[in-house]
Amino acid sequence: MGITVGSIERRGDAQRVKVSAGLDPLTGRPLYLAESTTGEAQPILNRFRILVDRLPDEVSRQGVQDQAVEGLVR
């Protein structure tokens, strides 16, 4: 499991959870997952971290699928 950067910010009566999801492969700009809550923020932060940690596996699988489709199109 990699290191995922995230934060919980207080915004009035709510809390905003924000986690870095890497860089957009087309633009190179940073991508984030963000959600606001008036309840507990830690479970959201934990869920986002799990999702981001799984991204490299999903991207690898998607890349294999894209190559298979490319082979069919040619």
N, C-alpha and C. Protein backbone atom coordinates (compact mmCIF):
# COMPACT_ATOMS: atom_id res chain seq x y z
N MET A 1 0.83 -1.16 0.00
CA MET A 1 0.00 0.00 0.00
C MET A 1 0.89 1.24 0.00
N GLY A 2 0.59 2.20 -0.89
CA GLY A 2 1.40 3.40 -1.00
C GLY A 2 0.96 4.47 -0.02
N ILE A 3 1.68 5.57 -0.05
CA ILE A 3 1.35 6.70 0.79
C ILE A 3 0.39 7.59 0.01
N THR A 4 -0.76 7.88 0.60
CA THR A 4 -1.76 8.72 -0.02
C THR A 4 -1.89 10.00 0.78
N VAL A 5 -1.78 11.15 0.11
CA VAL A 5 -1.86 12.44 0.78
C VAL A 5 -3.33 12.85 0.87
N GLY A 6 -3.76 13.22 2.06
CA GLY A 6 -5.13 13.65 2.25
C GLY A 6 -5.25 14.64 3.39
N SER A 7 -6.39 15.34 3.43
CA SER A 7 -6.59 16.31 4.50
C SER A 7 -8.07 16.41 4.84
N ILE A 8 -8.33 16.90 6.04
CA ILE A 8 -9.67 17.21 6.50
C ILE A 8 -9.66 18.67 6.91
N GLU A 9 -10.48 19.49 6.24
CA GLU A 9 -10.54 20.92 6.52
C GLU A 9 -11.90 21.27 7.12
N ARG A 10 -11.91 22.10 8.12
CA ARG A 10 -13.18 22.56 8.69
C ARG A 10 -13.67 23.72 7.82
N ARG A 11 -14.96 23.64 7.42
CA ARG A 11 -15.58 24.69 6.60
C ARG A 11 -16.94 25.01 7.21
N GLY A 12 -16.95 25.97 8.13
CA GLY A 12 -18.18 26.30 8.84
C GLY A 12 -18.60 25.15 9.74
N ASP A 13 -19.84 24.68 9.56
CA ASP A 13 -20.34 23.55 10.35
C ASP A 13 -19.96 22.20 9.74
N ALA A 14 -19.37 22.24 8.55
CA ALA A 14 -19.04 21.00 7.83
C ALA A 14 -17.52 20.79 7.82
N GLN A 15 -17.14 19.62 7.36
CA GLN A 15 -15.74 19.29 7.15
C GLN A 15 -15.57 18.86 5.70
N ARG A 16 -14.48 19.25 5.09
CA ARG A 16 -14.19 18.86 3.71
C ARG A 16 -13.01 17.90 3.71
N VAL A 17 -13.23 16.75 3.10
CA VAL A 17 -12.19 15.73 2.99
C VAL A 17 -11.64 15.80 1.57
N LYS A 18 -10.32 15.85 1.45
CA LYS A 18 -9.69 15.98 0.13
C LYS A 18 -8.47 15.06 0.09
N VAL A 19 -8.39 14.24 -0.99
CA VAL A 19 -7.28 13.30 -1.15
C VAL A 19 -6.72 13.43 -2.55
N SER A 20 -5.41 13.48 -2.67
CA SER A 20 -4.75 13.53 -3.97
C SER A 20 -4.91 12.19 -4.68
N ALA A 21 -5.34 12.24 -5.96
CA ALA A 21 -5.52 11.02 -6.74
C ALA A 21 -4.53 10.96 -7.90
N GLY A 22 -3.40 11.64 -7.78
CA GLY A 22 -2.37 11.60 -8.81
C GLY A 22 -2.54 12.70 -9.84
N LEU A 23 -2.01 12.45 -11.03
CA LEU A 23 -2.05 13.42 -12.12
C LEU A 23 -2.94 12.94 -13.25
N ASP A 24 -3.63 13.89 -13.87
CA ASP A 24 -4.42 13.57 -15.06
C ASP A 24 -3.44 13.18 -16.16
N PRO A 25 -3.59 12.00 -16.77
CA PRO A 25 -2.61 11.55 -17.77
C PRO A 25 -2.61 12.40 -19.03
N LEU A 26 -3.69 13.10 -19.33
CA LEU A 26 -3.75 13.93 -20.53
C LEU A 26 -3.22 15.33 -20.30
N THR A 27 -3.58 15.94 -19.17
CA THR A 27 -3.20 17.34 -18.93
C THR A 27 -2.01 17.48 -18.00
N GLY A 28 -1.73 16.44 -17.19
CA GLY A 28 -0.66 16.53 -16.21
C GLY A 28 -1.06 17.31 -14.96
N ARG A 29 -2.32 17.73 -14.88
CA ARG A 29 -2.79 18.49 -13.73
C ARG A 29 -3.17 17.55 -12.58
N PRO A 30 -3.04 18.03 -11.34
CA PRO A 30 -3.40 17.20 -10.19
C PRO A 30 -4.88 16.86 -10.17
N LEU A 31 -5.19 15.64 -9.72
CA LEU A 31 -6.56 15.19 -9.55
C LEU A 31 -6.81 14.96 -8.06
N TYR A 32 -8.02 15.27 -7.61
CA TYR A 32 -8.37 15.10 -6.21
C TYR A 32 -9.75 14.46 -6.08
N LEU A 33 -9.94 13.71 -5.02
CA LEU A 33 -11.26 13.26 -4.59
C LEU A 33 -11.63 14.19 -3.45
N ALA A 34 -12.86 14.71 -3.44
CA ALA A 34 -13.27 15.63 -2.38
C ALA A 34 -14.73 15.39 -2.04
N GLU A 35 -15.04 15.53 -0.77
CA GLU A 35 -16.41 15.37 -0.29
C GLU A 35 -16.57 16.16 1.00
N SER A 36 -17.72 16.80 1.16
CA SER A 36 -18.03 17.51 2.39
C SER A 36 -19.02 16.71 3.21
N THR A 37 -18.92 16.87 4.54
CA THR A 37 -19.82 16.15 5.45
C THR A 37 -20.03 16.97 6.71
N THR A 38 -21.19 16.78 7.31
CA THR A 38 -21.42 17.37 8.63
C THR A 38 -21.24 16.30 9.70
N GLY A 39 -20.99 15.07 9.27
CA GLY A 39 -20.75 13.95 10.18
C GLY A 39 -19.27 13.67 10.35
N GLU A 40 -18.95 12.41 10.52
CA GLU A 40 -17.57 11.97 10.71
C GLU A 40 -16.79 12.05 9.39
N ALA A 41 -15.65 12.68 9.40
CA ALA A 41 -14.84 12.83 8.20
C ALA A 41 -13.82 11.70 8.03
N GLN A 42 -13.37 11.11 9.13
CA GLN A 42 -12.32 10.09 9.06
C GLN A 42 -12.72 8.88 8.20
N PRO A 43 -13.96 8.36 8.28
CA PRO A 43 -14.33 7.24 7.41
C PRO A 43 -14.26 7.59 5.92
N ILE A 44 -14.61 8.83 5.59
CA ILE A 44 -14.53 9.27 4.19
C ILE A 44 -13.07 9.31 3.76
N LEU A 45 -12.21 9.87 4.61
CA LEU A 45 -10.78 9.92 4.29
C LEU A 45 -10.22 8.52 4.10
N ASN A 46 -10.59 7.59 4.96
CA ASN A 46 -10.12 6.21 4.83
C ASN A 46 -10.62 5.58 3.53
N ARG A 47 -11.90 5.82 3.17
CA ARG A 47 -12.46 5.26 1.92
C ARG A 47 -11.72 5.82 0.71
N PHE A 48 -11.46 7.13 0.71
CA PHE A 48 -10.74 7.75 -0.41
C PHE A 48 -9.33 7.17 -0.53
N ARG A 49 -8.66 6.99 0.60
CA ARG A 49 -7.30 6.45 0.56
C ARG A 49 -7.29 5.03 -0.02
N ILE A 50 -8.28 4.24 0.33
CA ILE A 50 -8.37 2.88 -0.23
C ILE A 50 -8.59 2.95 -1.73
N LEU A 51 -9.48 3.83 -2.18
CA LEU A 51 -9.74 3.98 -3.62
C LEU A 51 -8.48 4.40 -4.37
N VAL A 52 -7.77 5.39 -3.84
CA VAL A 52 -6.57 5.89 -4.51
C VAL A 52 -5.48 4.83 -4.53
N ASP A 53 -5.35 4.06 -3.45
CA ASP A 53 -4.34 3.00 -3.41
C ASP A 53 -4.63 1.92 -4.44
N ARG A 54 -5.90 1.74 -4.83
CA ARG A 54 -6.28 0.74 -5.83
C ARG A 54 -6.12 1.26 -7.26
N LEU A 55 -5.97 2.56 -7.45
CA LEU A 55 -5.91 3.13 -8.79
C LEU A 55 -4.84 2.53 -9.69
N PRO A 56 -3.61 2.33 -9.21
CA PRO A 56 -2.60 1.76 -10.12
C PRO A 56 -3.02 0.40 -10.68
N ASP A 57 -3.67 -0.44 -9.87
CA ASP A 57 -4.14 -1.74 -10.35
C ASP A 57 -5.22 -1.56 -11.40
N GLU A 58 -6.14 -0.64 -11.16
CA GLU A 58 -7.23 -0.39 -12.11
C GLU A 58 -6.68 0.15 -13.42
N VAL A 59 -5.72 1.06 -13.35
CA VAL A 59 -5.12 1.63 -14.55
C VAL A 59 -4.39 0.55 -15.34
N SER A 60 -3.69 -0.34 -14.66
CA SER A 60 -2.99 -1.43 -15.33
C SER A 60 -3.97 -2.33 -16.06
N ARG A 61 -5.07 -2.68 -15.39
CA ARG A 61 -6.08 -3.52 -16.03
C ARG A 61 -6.71 -2.81 -17.22
N GLN A 62 -6.99 -1.51 -17.06
CA GLN A 62 -7.60 -0.74 -18.14
C GLN A 62 -6.64 -0.66 -19.33
N GLY A 63 -5.35 -0.49 -19.06
CA GLY A 63 -4.37 -0.44 -20.14
C GLY A 63 -4.35 -1.72 -20.95
N VAL A 64 -4.45 -2.86 -20.27
CA VAL A 64 -4.50 -4.15 -20.96
C VAL A 64 -5.76 -4.24 -21.81
N GLN A 65 -6.89 -3.79 -21.28
CA GLN A 65 -8.14 -3.80 -22.04
C GLN A 65 -8.04 -2.90 -23.26
N ASP A 66 -7.45 -1.71 -23.09
CA ASP A 66 -7.30 -0.79 -24.21
C ASP A 66 -6.44 -1.40 -25.32
N GLN A 67 -5.37 -2.10 -24.95
CA GLN A 67 -4.51 -2.73 -25.94
C GLN A 67 -5.26 -3.83 -26.67
N ALA A 68 -6.09 -4.57 -25.97
CA ALA A 68 -6.87 -5.64 -26.61
C ALA A 68 -7.86 -5.05 -27.60
N VAL A 69 -8.52 -3.97 -27.23
CA VAL A 69 -9.47 -3.31 -28.14
C VAL A 69 -8.73 -2.74 -29.34
N GLU A 70 -7.58 -2.14 -29.10
CA GLU A 70 -6.77 -1.59 -30.19
C GLU A 70 -6.42 -2.68 -31.20
N GLY A 71 -6.08 -3.86 -30.72
CA GLY A 71 -5.74 -4.97 -31.60
C GLY A 71 -6.93 -5.40 -32.45
N LEU A 72 -8.13 -5.29 -31.92
CA LEU A 72 -9.33 -5.65 -32.67
C LEU A 72 -9.68 -4.61 -33.72
N VAL A 73 -9.38 -3.36 -33.43
CA VAL A 73 -9.73 -2.27 -34.35
C VAL A 73 -8.83 -2.25 -35.56
N ARG A 74 -7.58 -2.61 -35.39
CA ARG A 74 -6.61 -2.54 -36.50
C ARG A 74 -6.87 -3.56 -37.55
